[in-house]
N, C-alpha and C. Protein backbone atom coordinates (compact mmCIF):
# COMPACT_ATOMS: atom_id res chain seq x y z
N UNK A 1 -13.71 -3.20 1.44
CA UNK A 1 -12.44 -3.38 2.12
C UNK A 1 -12.51 -2.74 3.49
N UNK A 2 -12.06 -3.48 4.47
CA UNK A 2 -12.06 -2.98 5.83
C UNK A 2 -10.75 -2.24 6.09
N UNK A 3 -10.86 -0.99 6.48
CA UNK A 3 -9.68 -0.16 6.76
C UNK A 3 -9.59 0.06 8.25
N UNK A 4 -8.41 -0.24 8.78
CA UNK A 4 -8.18 -0.09 10.21
C UNK A 4 -7.14 1.00 10.45
N UNK A 5 -7.56 2.04 11.16
CA UNK A 5 -6.66 3.13 11.51
C UNK A 5 -6.49 3.19 13.02
N UNK A 6 -5.28 3.50 13.47
CA UNK A 6 -4.99 3.61 14.89
C UNK A 6 -4.67 5.07 15.18
N UNK A 7 -5.62 5.77 15.77
CA UNK A 7 -5.46 7.20 16.03
C UNK A 7 -4.47 7.49 17.15
N UNK A 8 -4.05 6.45 17.88
CA UNK A 8 -3.06 6.61 18.95
C UNK A 8 -1.64 6.33 18.45
N UNK A 9 -1.51 5.84 17.23
CA UNK A 9 -0.23 5.47 16.64
C UNK A 9 0.55 6.71 16.24
N UNK A 10 1.88 6.62 16.29
CA UNK A 10 2.73 7.73 15.88
C UNK A 10 2.76 7.91 14.36
N UNK A 11 2.37 6.88 13.61
CA UNK A 11 2.36 6.96 12.16
C UNK A 11 1.19 7.86 11.74
N UNK A 12 1.45 8.88 10.92
CA UNK A 12 0.38 9.78 10.50
C UNK A 12 -0.78 9.02 9.83
N UNK A 13 -1.97 9.51 10.03
CA UNK A 13 -3.18 8.85 9.52
C UNK A 13 -3.12 8.69 8.00
N UNK A 14 -2.64 9.70 7.28
CA UNK A 14 -2.61 9.58 5.82
C UNK A 14 -1.70 8.44 5.37
N UNK A 15 -0.61 8.17 6.13
CA UNK A 15 0.28 7.05 5.80
C UNK A 15 -0.35 5.71 6.19
N UNK A 16 -1.05 5.69 7.32
CA UNK A 16 -1.76 4.47 7.71
C UNK A 16 -2.79 4.12 6.64
N UNK A 17 -3.52 5.12 6.17
CA UNK A 17 -4.52 4.90 5.13
C UNK A 17 -3.87 4.43 3.84
N UNK A 18 -2.76 5.05 3.47
CA UNK A 18 -2.02 4.63 2.28
C UNK A 18 -1.62 3.17 2.39
N UNK A 19 -1.08 2.79 3.56
CA UNK A 19 -0.64 1.42 3.77
C UNK A 19 -1.80 0.43 3.71
N UNK A 20 -2.94 0.80 4.25
CA UNK A 20 -4.12 -0.06 4.21
C UNK A 20 -4.59 -0.27 2.77
N UNK A 21 -4.56 0.77 1.97
CA UNK A 21 -4.97 0.65 0.57
C UNK A 21 -3.98 -0.23 -0.19
N UNK A 22 -2.68 -0.06 0.07
CA UNK A 22 -1.66 -0.90 -0.56
C UNK A 22 -1.88 -2.35 -0.17
N UNK A 23 -2.17 -2.61 1.10
CA UNK A 23 -2.47 -3.98 1.53
C UNK A 23 -3.70 -4.52 0.81
N UNK A 24 -4.68 -3.68 0.62
CA UNK A 24 -5.89 -4.10 -0.09
C UNK A 24 -5.60 -4.48 -1.53
N UNK A 25 -4.74 -3.72 -2.18
CA UNK A 25 -4.37 -4.04 -3.56
C UNK A 25 -3.55 -5.32 -3.58
N UNK A 26 -2.57 -5.43 -2.69
CA UNK A 26 -1.70 -6.61 -2.64
C UNK A 26 -2.44 -7.89 -2.31
N UNK A 27 -3.47 -7.78 -1.48
CA UNK A 27 -4.24 -8.97 -1.08
C UNK A 27 -5.28 -9.35 -2.12
N UNK A 28 -5.52 -8.46 -3.07
CA UNK A 28 -6.54 -8.74 -4.08
C UNK A 28 -7.92 -8.24 -3.68
N UNK A 29 -8.04 -7.65 -2.49
CA UNK A 29 -9.34 -7.12 -2.07
C UNK A 29 -9.73 -5.91 -2.92
N UNK A 30 -8.73 -5.20 -3.42
CA UNK A 30 -8.95 -4.11 -4.37
C UNK A 30 -8.31 -4.55 -5.68
N UNK A 31 -9.05 -4.50 -6.76
CA UNK A 31 -8.52 -5.02 -8.02
C UNK A 31 -8.35 -3.93 -9.06
N UNK A 32 -7.61 -4.27 -10.10
CA UNK A 32 -7.33 -3.37 -11.21
C UNK A 32 -8.63 -2.77 -11.73
N UNK A 33 -8.64 -1.46 -11.83
CA UNK A 33 -9.81 -0.77 -12.35
C UNK A 33 -10.89 -0.47 -11.33
N UNK A 34 -10.73 -0.99 -10.11
CA UNK A 34 -11.74 -0.76 -9.08
C UNK A 34 -11.71 0.70 -8.64
N UNK A 35 -12.87 1.26 -8.54
CA UNK A 35 -13.00 2.66 -8.13
C UNK A 35 -12.96 2.74 -6.61
N UNK A 36 -12.14 3.65 -6.11
CA UNK A 36 -12.08 3.90 -4.67
C UNK A 36 -13.19 4.88 -4.29
N UNK A 37 -13.56 4.88 -3.01
CA UNK A 37 -14.58 5.85 -2.57
C UNK A 37 -14.11 7.28 -2.81
N UNK A 38 -15.06 8.18 -2.93
CA UNK A 38 -14.70 9.59 -3.07
C UNK A 38 -13.99 10.05 -1.80
N UNK A 39 -13.26 11.12 -1.92
CA UNK A 39 -12.54 11.67 -0.78
C UNK A 39 -13.49 11.95 0.37
N UNK A 40 -14.59 12.62 0.07
CA UNK A 40 -15.55 12.98 1.13
C UNK A 40 -16.19 11.75 1.76
N UNK A 41 -16.55 10.78 0.92
CA UNK A 41 -17.19 9.57 1.41
C UNK A 41 -16.26 8.78 2.33
N UNK A 42 -15.03 8.57 1.90
CA UNK A 42 -14.08 7.81 2.71
C UNK A 42 -13.75 8.56 4.00
N UNK A 43 -13.59 9.87 3.90
CA UNK A 43 -13.30 10.67 5.09
C UNK A 43 -14.43 10.55 6.11
N UNK A 44 -15.66 10.61 5.64
CA UNK A 44 -16.81 10.49 6.53
C UNK A 44 -16.87 9.10 7.16
N UNK A 45 -16.63 8.07 6.34
CA UNK A 45 -16.67 6.69 6.85
C UNK A 45 -15.61 6.45 7.92
N UNK A 46 -14.43 7.05 7.74
CA UNK A 46 -13.32 6.83 8.67
C UNK A 46 -13.27 7.83 9.81
N UNK A 47 -14.03 8.91 9.70
CA UNK A 47 -14.01 9.94 10.73
C UNK A 47 -12.74 10.77 10.70
N UNK A 48 -12.25 11.03 9.48
CA UNK A 48 -11.04 11.84 9.32
C UNK A 48 -11.34 13.04 8.44
N UNK A 49 -10.44 13.99 8.44
CA UNK A 49 -10.57 15.18 7.62
C UNK A 49 -10.43 14.80 6.13
N UNK A 50 -11.27 15.35 5.26
CA UNK A 50 -11.13 15.07 3.82
C UNK A 50 -9.74 15.38 3.27
N UNK A 51 -9.06 16.36 3.85
CA UNK A 51 -7.70 16.68 3.39
C UNK A 51 -6.74 15.51 3.64
N UNK A 52 -7.01 14.74 4.68
CA UNK A 52 -6.20 13.56 4.97
C UNK A 52 -6.33 12.54 3.86
N UNK A 53 -7.56 12.27 3.44
CA UNK A 53 -7.81 11.31 2.35
C UNK A 53 -7.24 11.87 1.06
N UNK A 54 -7.43 13.15 0.83
CA UNK A 54 -6.89 13.78 -0.38
C UNK A 54 -5.36 13.62 -0.44
N UNK A 55 -4.70 13.81 0.69
CA UNK A 55 -3.24 13.66 0.75
C UNK A 55 -2.84 12.21 0.47
N UNK A 56 -3.62 11.27 0.99
CA UNK A 56 -3.36 9.85 0.75
C UNK A 56 -3.50 9.53 -0.73
N UNK A 57 -4.59 9.98 -1.34
CA UNK A 57 -4.82 9.70 -2.77
C UNK A 57 -3.72 10.35 -3.63
N UNK A 58 -3.29 11.54 -3.26
CA UNK A 58 -2.22 12.20 -4.02
C UNK A 58 -0.93 11.39 -3.93
N UNK A 59 -0.63 10.87 -2.76
CA UNK A 59 0.57 10.06 -2.57
C UNK A 59 0.48 8.76 -3.37
N UNK A 60 -0.67 8.09 -3.31
CA UNK A 60 -0.86 6.86 -4.06
C UNK A 60 -0.76 7.09 -5.57
N UNK A 61 -1.25 8.23 -6.02
CA UNK A 61 -1.14 8.57 -7.44
C UNK A 61 0.32 8.80 -7.80
N UNK A 62 1.02 9.55 -6.99
CA UNK A 62 2.44 9.84 -7.23
C UNK A 62 3.27 8.55 -7.27
N UNK A 63 2.89 7.59 -6.43
CA UNK A 63 3.62 6.33 -6.36
C UNK A 63 3.19 5.33 -7.45
N UNK A 64 2.15 5.68 -8.21
CA UNK A 64 1.73 4.83 -9.31
C UNK A 64 0.79 3.70 -8.95
N UNK A 65 0.04 3.83 -7.84
CA UNK A 65 -0.90 2.79 -7.44
C UNK A 65 -2.34 3.09 -7.85
N UNK A 66 -2.65 4.37 -8.05
CA UNK A 66 -3.98 4.75 -8.49
C UNK A 66 -3.88 5.83 -9.55
N UNK A 67 -4.97 5.99 -10.29
CA UNK A 67 -5.14 7.11 -11.20
C UNK A 67 -6.25 7.96 -10.63
N UNK A 68 -6.14 9.27 -10.78
CA UNK A 68 -7.20 10.15 -10.30
C UNK A 68 -7.51 11.17 -11.38
N UNK A 69 -8.66 11.77 -11.23
CA UNK A 69 -9.01 12.87 -12.12
C UNK A 69 -10.31 12.64 -12.87
N UNK A 70 -10.86 13.72 -13.30
CA UNK A 70 -12.09 13.67 -14.08
C UNK A 70 -13.24 13.04 -13.33
N UNK A 71 -14.16 12.50 -14.08
CA UNK A 71 -15.35 11.90 -13.48
C UNK A 71 -15.11 10.51 -12.93
N UNK A 72 -14.01 9.90 -13.33
CA UNK A 72 -13.78 8.53 -12.87
C UNK A 72 -13.36 8.46 -11.41
N UNK A 73 -12.91 9.55 -10.83
CA UNK A 73 -12.46 9.55 -9.45
C UNK A 73 -11.12 8.83 -9.33
N UNK A 74 -10.91 8.17 -8.21
CA UNK A 74 -9.67 7.43 -7.98
C UNK A 74 -9.89 5.96 -8.34
N UNK A 75 -8.98 5.43 -9.19
CA UNK A 75 -9.10 4.07 -9.69
C UNK A 75 -7.79 3.33 -9.45
N UNK A 76 -7.89 2.09 -9.00
CA UNK A 76 -6.72 1.26 -8.74
C UNK A 76 -6.06 0.84 -10.05
N UNK A 77 -4.73 0.92 -10.08
CA UNK A 77 -3.97 0.37 -11.20
C UNK A 77 -2.94 -0.60 -10.63
N UNK A 78 -2.66 -1.65 -11.38
CA UNK A 78 -1.65 -2.63 -10.97
C UNK A 78 -0.76 -2.94 -12.15
N UNK A 79 0.29 -3.67 -11.90
CA UNK A 79 1.21 -4.03 -12.96
C UNK A 79 2.00 -2.84 -13.46
N UNK A 80 2.13 -1.84 -12.62
CA UNK A 80 2.88 -0.65 -13.00
C UNK A 80 4.33 -1.03 -13.29
N UNK A 81 4.94 -0.28 -14.16
CA UNK A 81 6.31 -0.59 -14.54
C UNK A 81 7.25 -0.34 -13.37
N UNK A 82 8.24 -1.18 -13.29
CA UNK A 82 9.25 -1.07 -12.25
C UNK A 82 10.27 -0.02 -12.69
N UNK A 83 10.73 0.77 -11.76
CA UNK A 83 11.74 1.76 -12.12
C UNK A 83 12.86 1.78 -11.08
N UNK A 84 13.96 2.40 -11.44
CA UNK A 84 15.14 2.44 -10.56
C UNK A 84 14.83 3.15 -9.25
N UNK A 85 14.10 4.24 -9.31
CA UNK A 85 13.79 4.98 -8.08
C UNK A 85 13.01 4.10 -7.11
N UNK A 86 12.07 3.31 -7.63
CA UNK A 86 11.31 2.43 -6.75
C UNK A 86 12.21 1.35 -6.16
N UNK A 87 13.08 0.77 -6.99
CA UNK A 87 13.99 -0.28 -6.49
C UNK A 87 14.91 0.29 -5.40
N UNK A 88 15.37 1.52 -5.58
CA UNK A 88 16.21 2.16 -4.56
C UNK A 88 15.43 2.34 -3.26
N UNK A 89 14.18 2.78 -3.36
CA UNK A 89 13.33 2.97 -2.18
C UNK A 89 13.09 1.62 -1.49
N UNK A 90 12.80 0.60 -2.28
CA UNK A 90 12.55 -0.74 -1.74
C UNK A 90 13.80 -1.27 -1.02
N UNK A 91 14.95 -1.10 -1.64
CA UNK A 91 16.20 -1.55 -1.03
C UNK A 91 16.43 -0.86 0.30
N UNK A 92 16.18 0.44 0.36
CA UNK A 92 16.35 1.19 1.60
C UNK A 92 15.41 0.69 2.69
N UNK A 93 14.14 0.48 2.34
CA UNK A 93 13.17 0.00 3.32
C UNK A 93 13.50 -1.41 3.80
N UNK A 94 13.93 -2.27 2.86
CA UNK A 94 14.29 -3.64 3.23
C UNK A 94 15.54 -3.66 4.12
N UNK A 95 16.48 -2.75 3.86
CA UNK A 95 17.67 -2.67 4.68
C UNK A 95 17.31 -2.32 6.13
N UNK A 96 16.38 -1.40 6.29
CA UNK A 96 15.94 -1.02 7.63
C UNK A 96 15.24 -2.20 8.32
N UNK A 97 14.33 -2.88 7.60
CA UNK A 97 13.64 -4.03 8.17
C UNK A 97 14.60 -5.14 8.54
N UNK A 98 15.57 -5.43 7.66
CA UNK A 98 16.55 -6.47 7.95
C UNK A 98 17.40 -6.09 9.16
N UNK A 99 17.78 -4.83 9.25
CA UNK A 99 18.57 -4.36 10.39
C UNK A 99 17.79 -4.50 11.69
N UNK A 100 16.52 -4.08 11.67
CA UNK A 100 15.68 -4.21 12.86
C UNK A 100 15.56 -5.67 13.28
N UNK A 101 15.33 -6.54 12.29
CA UNK A 101 15.17 -7.96 12.59
C UNK A 101 16.45 -8.52 13.21
N UNK A 102 17.59 -8.18 12.64
CA UNK A 102 18.86 -8.68 13.17
C UNK A 102 19.10 -8.19 14.60
N UNK A 103 18.82 -6.91 14.83
CA UNK A 103 19.00 -6.33 16.16
C UNK A 103 18.10 -7.03 17.19
N UNK A 104 16.89 -7.39 16.76
CA UNK A 104 15.93 -8.05 17.66
C UNK A 104 16.17 -9.56 17.78
N UNK A 105 17.20 -10.05 17.09
CA UNK A 105 17.56 -11.47 17.23
C UNK A 105 16.88 -12.42 16.27
N UNK A 106 16.22 -11.91 15.26
CA UNK A 106 15.60 -12.77 14.26
C UNK A 106 16.71 -13.32 13.36
N UNK A 107 16.74 -14.63 13.22
CA UNK A 107 17.76 -15.28 12.39
C UNK A 107 17.50 -14.99 10.91
N UNK A 108 18.58 -14.99 10.12
CA UNK A 108 18.48 -14.69 8.69
C UNK A 108 17.49 -15.61 7.98
N UNK A 109 17.58 -16.90 8.23
CA UNK A 109 16.69 -17.86 7.57
C UNK A 109 15.22 -17.58 7.92
N UNK A 110 14.96 -17.28 9.18
CA UNK A 110 13.59 -16.97 9.62
C UNK A 110 13.08 -15.70 8.94
N UNK A 111 13.94 -14.70 8.84
CA UNK A 111 13.57 -13.45 8.17
C UNK A 111 13.24 -13.69 6.71
N UNK A 112 14.11 -14.43 6.02
CA UNK A 112 13.89 -14.71 4.60
C UNK A 112 12.65 -15.57 4.38
N UNK A 113 12.41 -16.53 5.25
CA UNK A 113 11.21 -17.37 5.16
C UNK A 113 9.96 -16.52 5.32
N UNK A 114 9.98 -15.61 6.28
CA UNK A 114 8.85 -14.71 6.49
C UNK A 114 8.60 -13.86 5.25
N UNK A 115 9.66 -13.31 4.67
CA UNK A 115 9.53 -12.51 3.45
C UNK A 115 8.92 -13.34 2.32
N UNK A 116 9.42 -14.55 2.14
CA UNK A 116 8.91 -15.43 1.08
C UNK A 116 7.43 -15.74 1.28
N UNK A 117 7.04 -16.08 2.51
CA UNK A 117 5.63 -16.41 2.79
C UNK A 117 4.73 -15.21 2.51
N UNK A 118 5.14 -14.05 2.97
CA UNK A 118 4.33 -12.85 2.74
C UNK A 118 4.17 -12.58 1.25
N UNK A 119 5.24 -12.69 0.51
CA UNK A 119 5.19 -12.42 -0.93
C UNK A 119 4.35 -13.47 -1.65
N UNK A 120 4.48 -14.72 -1.27
CA UNK A 120 3.72 -15.79 -1.91
C UNK A 120 2.23 -15.68 -1.63
N UNK A 121 1.86 -15.08 -0.52
CA UNK A 121 0.44 -14.94 -0.17
C UNK A 121 -0.25 -13.78 -0.87
N UNK A 122 0.49 -12.97 -1.60
CA UNK A 122 -0.12 -11.84 -2.28
C UNK A 122 -0.95 -12.31 -3.46
N UNK A 123 -2.22 -11.95 -3.45
CA UNK A 123 -3.11 -12.32 -4.55
C UNK A 123 -2.86 -11.49 -5.79
N UNK A 124 -2.16 -10.38 -5.67
CA UNK A 124 -1.88 -9.50 -6.81
C UNK A 124 -1.12 -10.27 -7.88
N UNK A 125 -0.34 -11.26 -7.47
CA UNK A 125 0.46 -12.04 -8.41
C UNK A 125 -0.41 -12.92 -9.30
N UNK A 126 -1.65 -13.14 -8.91
CA UNK A 126 -2.51 -14.07 -9.62
C UNK A 126 -3.50 -13.40 -10.56
N UNK A 127 -3.43 -12.08 -10.69
CA UNK A 127 -4.38 -11.37 -11.55
C UNK A 127 -3.69 -10.86 -12.80
N UNK A 128 -4.44 -10.72 -13.90
CA UNK A 128 -3.83 -10.18 -15.12
C UNK A 128 -3.26 -8.79 -14.87
N UNK A 129 -2.06 -8.58 -15.34
CA UNK A 129 -1.41 -7.27 -15.15
C UNK A 129 -0.66 -7.18 -13.85
N UNK A 130 -0.82 -8.18 -12.96
CA UNK A 130 -0.09 -8.20 -11.70
C UNK A 130 1.31 -8.73 -11.92
N UNK A 131 2.11 -8.69 -10.89
CA UNK A 131 3.47 -9.17 -11.00
C UNK A 131 3.47 -10.69 -11.03
N UNK A 132 4.51 -11.27 -11.60
CA UNK A 132 4.58 -12.72 -11.65
C UNK A 132 5.97 -13.22 -11.42
């Protein structure tokens, strides 16, 4: 999986890395049970501090996207159960995106079409244990 980080961006590197891994899972480039690189290996490949990768993996684990620990390292999980806290977070993020789009003049139909296209293009929906 190709990870692209922008060191000039205001978004912290650990969040950029988290988002790239989420995109990888959503696109199907990272699949259920796939082992992620070790913290040290990924940090070296990306030219970042190992603590940055460690923070990313801890966040992904907390959010239910990976499992960590023991000899298996970090492993991708999908089809995680939906919960109220996640739906609340999703609603909040979508409200911000919809507000930004409206302020910038994006029409409702165009916004909804974009959302539908993005969701339909996710390969995660086509794998066992993925959403459907």
